[in-house]
């Protein structure tokens, strides 16, 4: 039996055009799956952080890290798992509502710590920033309501603070 693992790769790259394409191409050429991808500038505008979530067996996970480290535009690769990280995802969800389900939607948002950020007379946009599992839970709770559209950022993660770090 092959044990499938999920890993988070925090990849610091040079902030210039074409780098995302090169990294995505690496995954594509080797048939590695990307479960989630988020990219943005760091505190240094010449460096971006790519947060890539991927899954596979032990060999695949090791191969991904080795291949990422070979890329010229890659400055540093950190690999960690979900328990050793703080991760969040942002989602916006547009739902259609009516008088009979409006209160239920608002109560669900309150329970899930989600915000209603825009509203018209029959639609609303809900925003949630939470761990991916809670995002999935909110989606499943809203399945009975008419979800019009959704946008998700993908997982952002940083390794948890260690006592030895300064």
Protein backbone atom coordinates (compact mmCIF):
# COMPACT_ATOMS: atom_id res chain seq x y z
CA UNK A 1 0.00 0.00 0.00
CA UNK A 2 1.36 3.43 -1.00
CA UNK A 3 0.95 6.08 1.69
CA UNK A 4 -0.18 9.39 0.20
CA UNK A 5 1.06 12.47 2.02
CA UNK A 6 0.23 16.15 1.73
CA UNK A 7 3.10 18.65 1.89
CA UNK A 8 3.33 22.43 1.88
CA UNK A 9 6.22 23.97 -0.05
CA UNK A 10 7.10 27.54 0.86
CA UNK A 11 9.24 28.65 -2.06
CA UNK A 12 11.04 31.99 -2.16
CA UNK A 13 11.62 33.02 -5.76
CA UNK A 14 12.93 36.02 -7.62
CA UNK A 15 10.04 38.37 -8.32
CA UNK A 16 10.11 38.61 -12.11
CA UNK A 17 7.97 37.55 -15.03
CA UNK A 18 8.05 33.94 -16.12
CA UNK A 19 8.99 32.39 -12.76
CA UNK A 20 5.47 31.14 -12.01
CA UNK A 21 5.30 29.57 -15.46
CA UNK A 22 8.64 27.79 -14.93
CA UNK A 23 7.60 26.36 -11.57
CA UNK A 24 4.17 25.29 -12.84
CA UNK A 25 5.89 23.72 -15.85
CA UNK A 26 8.11 21.69 -13.53
CA UNK A 27 5.00 20.17 -11.90
CA UNK A 28 3.30 19.63 -15.26
CA UNK A 29 6.25 17.93 -16.97
CA UNK A 30 6.68 15.47 -14.13
CA UNK A 31 2.93 14.86 -13.65
CA UNK A 32 3.00 16.18 -10.08
CA UNK A 33 -0.36 17.54 -8.93
CA UNK A 34 -0.75 21.01 -7.42
CA UNK A 35 -3.58 20.97 -4.86
CA UNK A 36 -3.22 24.68 -4.13
CA UNK A 37 -1.02 27.54 -5.31
CA UNK A 38 -0.76 31.09 -3.99
CA UNK A 39 1.88 33.65 -4.93
CA UNK A 40 2.63 37.13 -3.64
CA UNK A 41 5.42 39.56 -2.83
CA UNK A 42 7.26 39.26 0.47
CA UNK A 43 8.55 42.07 2.68
CA UNK A 44 11.25 42.45 -0.01
CA UNK A 45 9.61 43.50 -3.31
CA UNK A 46 12.28 41.68 -5.33
CA UNK A 47 11.24 38.34 -3.78
CA UNK A 48 7.92 36.48 -3.99
CA UNK A 49 6.70 33.58 -1.89
CA UNK A 50 4.98 30.70 -3.63
CA UNK A 51 2.94 28.53 -1.30
CA UNK A 52 2.34 25.23 -3.06
CA UNK A 53 0.33 22.38 -1.56
CA UNK A 54 0.89 19.03 -3.25
CA UNK A 55 0.33 15.41 -2.40
CA UNK A 56 1.93 12.13 -3.30
CA UNK A 57 3.95 9.25 -1.92
CA UNK A 58 7.24 9.79 -0.05
CA UNK A 59 9.30 9.52 -3.25
CA UNK A 60 7.15 12.10 -5.08
CA UNK A 61 7.32 14.54 -2.16
CA UNK A 62 11.13 14.27 -2.05
CA UNK A 63 11.37 14.59 -5.85
CA UNK A 64 9.30 17.80 -5.86
CA UNK A 65 11.61 19.43 -3.32
CA UNK A 66 14.75 18.35 -5.22
CA UNK A 67 13.38 19.65 -8.53
CA UNK A 68 12.32 22.99 -6.99
CA UNK A 69 15.81 23.47 -5.53
CA UNK A 70 17.35 22.99 -9.02
CA UNK A 71 15.48 25.97 -10.50
CA UNK A 72 17.68 29.05 -11.05
CA UNK A 73 14.97 31.52 -9.98
CA UNK A 74 14.34 29.65 -6.70
CA UNK A 75 16.09 31.25 -3.71
CA UNK A 76 14.97 28.90 -0.93
CA UNK A 77 12.56 25.97 -0.45
CA UNK A 78 11.03 25.05 2.91
CA UNK A 79 8.87 21.95 3.20
CA UNK A 80 6.49 21.32 6.08
CA UNK A 81 3.24 19.58 6.86
CA UNK A 82 -0.06 21.01 8.09
CA UNK A 83 0.43 20.33 11.82
CA UNK A 84 3.72 22.28 11.86
CA UNK A 85 2.27 25.31 10.06
CA UNK A 86 -0.29 28.06 10.37
CA UNK A 87 -2.38 28.06 7.21
CA UNK A 88 -5.27 30.16 5.97
CA UNK A 89 -7.35 30.48 2.85
CA UNK A 90 -9.64 33.32 1.75
CA UNK A 91 -12.92 32.62 0.00
CA UNK A 92 -15.62 34.88 -1.40
CA UNK A 93 -18.98 33.20 -2.07
CA UNK A 94 -21.95 34.81 -3.79
CA UNK A 95 -25.29 33.27 -2.81
CA UNK A 96 -28.88 33.92 -3.85
CA UNK A 97 -31.24 34.26 -0.90
CA UNK A 98 -34.90 34.85 -0.13
CA UNK A 99 -36.93 35.80 2.95
CA UNK A 100 -37.19 32.21 4.13
CA UNK A 101 -33.44 31.42 4.16
CA UNK A 102 -31.88 34.83 4.83
CA UNK A 103 -31.80 34.39 8.62
CA UNK A 104 -30.30 30.87 8.28
CA UNK A 105 -27.50 32.20 6.06
CA UNK A 106 -26.75 35.00 8.52
CA UNK A 107 -26.69 32.55 11.47
CA UNK A 108 -24.40 30.17 9.58
CA UNK A 109 -22.06 33.07 8.81
CA UNK A 110 -22.02 34.04 12.48
CA UNK A 111 -21.27 30.46 13.60
CA UNK A 112 -18.51 30.06 10.98
CA UNK A 113 -17.04 33.52 11.69
CA UNK A 114 -17.71 34.57 8.10
CA UNK A 115 -18.66 38.11 7.07
CA UNK A 116 -21.33 39.35 4.70
CA UNK A 117 -19.38 41.94 2.71
CA UNK A 118 -21.92 42.90 0.03
CA UNK A 119 -25.67 42.56 -0.31
CA UNK A 120 -28.47 43.35 -2.72
CA UNK A 121 -32.17 42.58 -2.42
CA UNK A 122 -31.69 38.89 -3.38
CA UNK A 123 -27.93 38.20 -3.35
CA UNK A 124 -25.08 38.48 -0.88
CA UNK A 125 -21.34 37.96 -0.90
CA UNK A 126 -19.85 36.09 2.04
CA UNK A 127 -16.17 36.32 2.97
CA UNK A 128 -14.29 33.85 5.13
CA UNK A 129 -10.62 33.59 6.02
CA UNK A 130 -9.91 30.32 7.79
CA UNK A 131 -8.20 26.94 7.56
CA UNK A 132 -9.05 24.99 4.39
CA UNK A 133 -11.15 22.45 6.32
CA UNK A 134 -13.46 25.19 7.67
CA UNK A 135 -13.75 26.70 4.18
CA UNK A 136 -14.92 23.28 2.92
CA UNK A 137 -17.34 23.03 5.86
CA UNK A 138 -18.92 26.41 5.00
CA UNK A 139 -19.28 25.34 1.36
CA UNK A 140 -21.04 22.13 2.42
CA UNK A 141 -23.32 24.07 4.80
CA UNK A 142 -24.29 26.41 1.95
CA UNK A 143 -24.88 23.63 -0.63
CA UNK A 144 -28.65 23.70 0.00
CA UNK A 145 -28.70 27.40 -0.85
CA UNK A 146 -28.18 28.67 -4.36
CA UNK A 147 -24.42 29.28 -4.60
CA UNK A 148 -23.99 31.55 -7.63
CA UNK A 149 -20.18 31.70 -7.72
CA UNK A 150 -17.08 31.32 -5.58
CA UNK A 151 -13.48 32.50 -5.60
CA UNK A 152 -10.76 30.96 -3.39
CA UNK A 153 -7.18 32.08 -2.91
CA UNK A 154 -5.57 28.75 -2.23
CA UNK A 155 -3.67 28.00 0.95
CA UNK A 156 -1.22 30.48 2.44
CA UNK A 157 1.04 29.01 5.11
CA UNK A 158 4.03 29.77 7.27
CA UNK A 159 5.88 27.35 9.49
CA UNK A 160 4.92 27.76 13.15
CA UNK A 161 7.21 29.89 15.29
CA UNK A 162 9.91 27.91 17.05
CA UNK A 163 11.32 28.91 20.44
CA UNK A 164 14.85 28.84 18.98
CA UNK A 165 14.04 31.41 16.26
CA UNK A 166 15.10 35.01 16.84
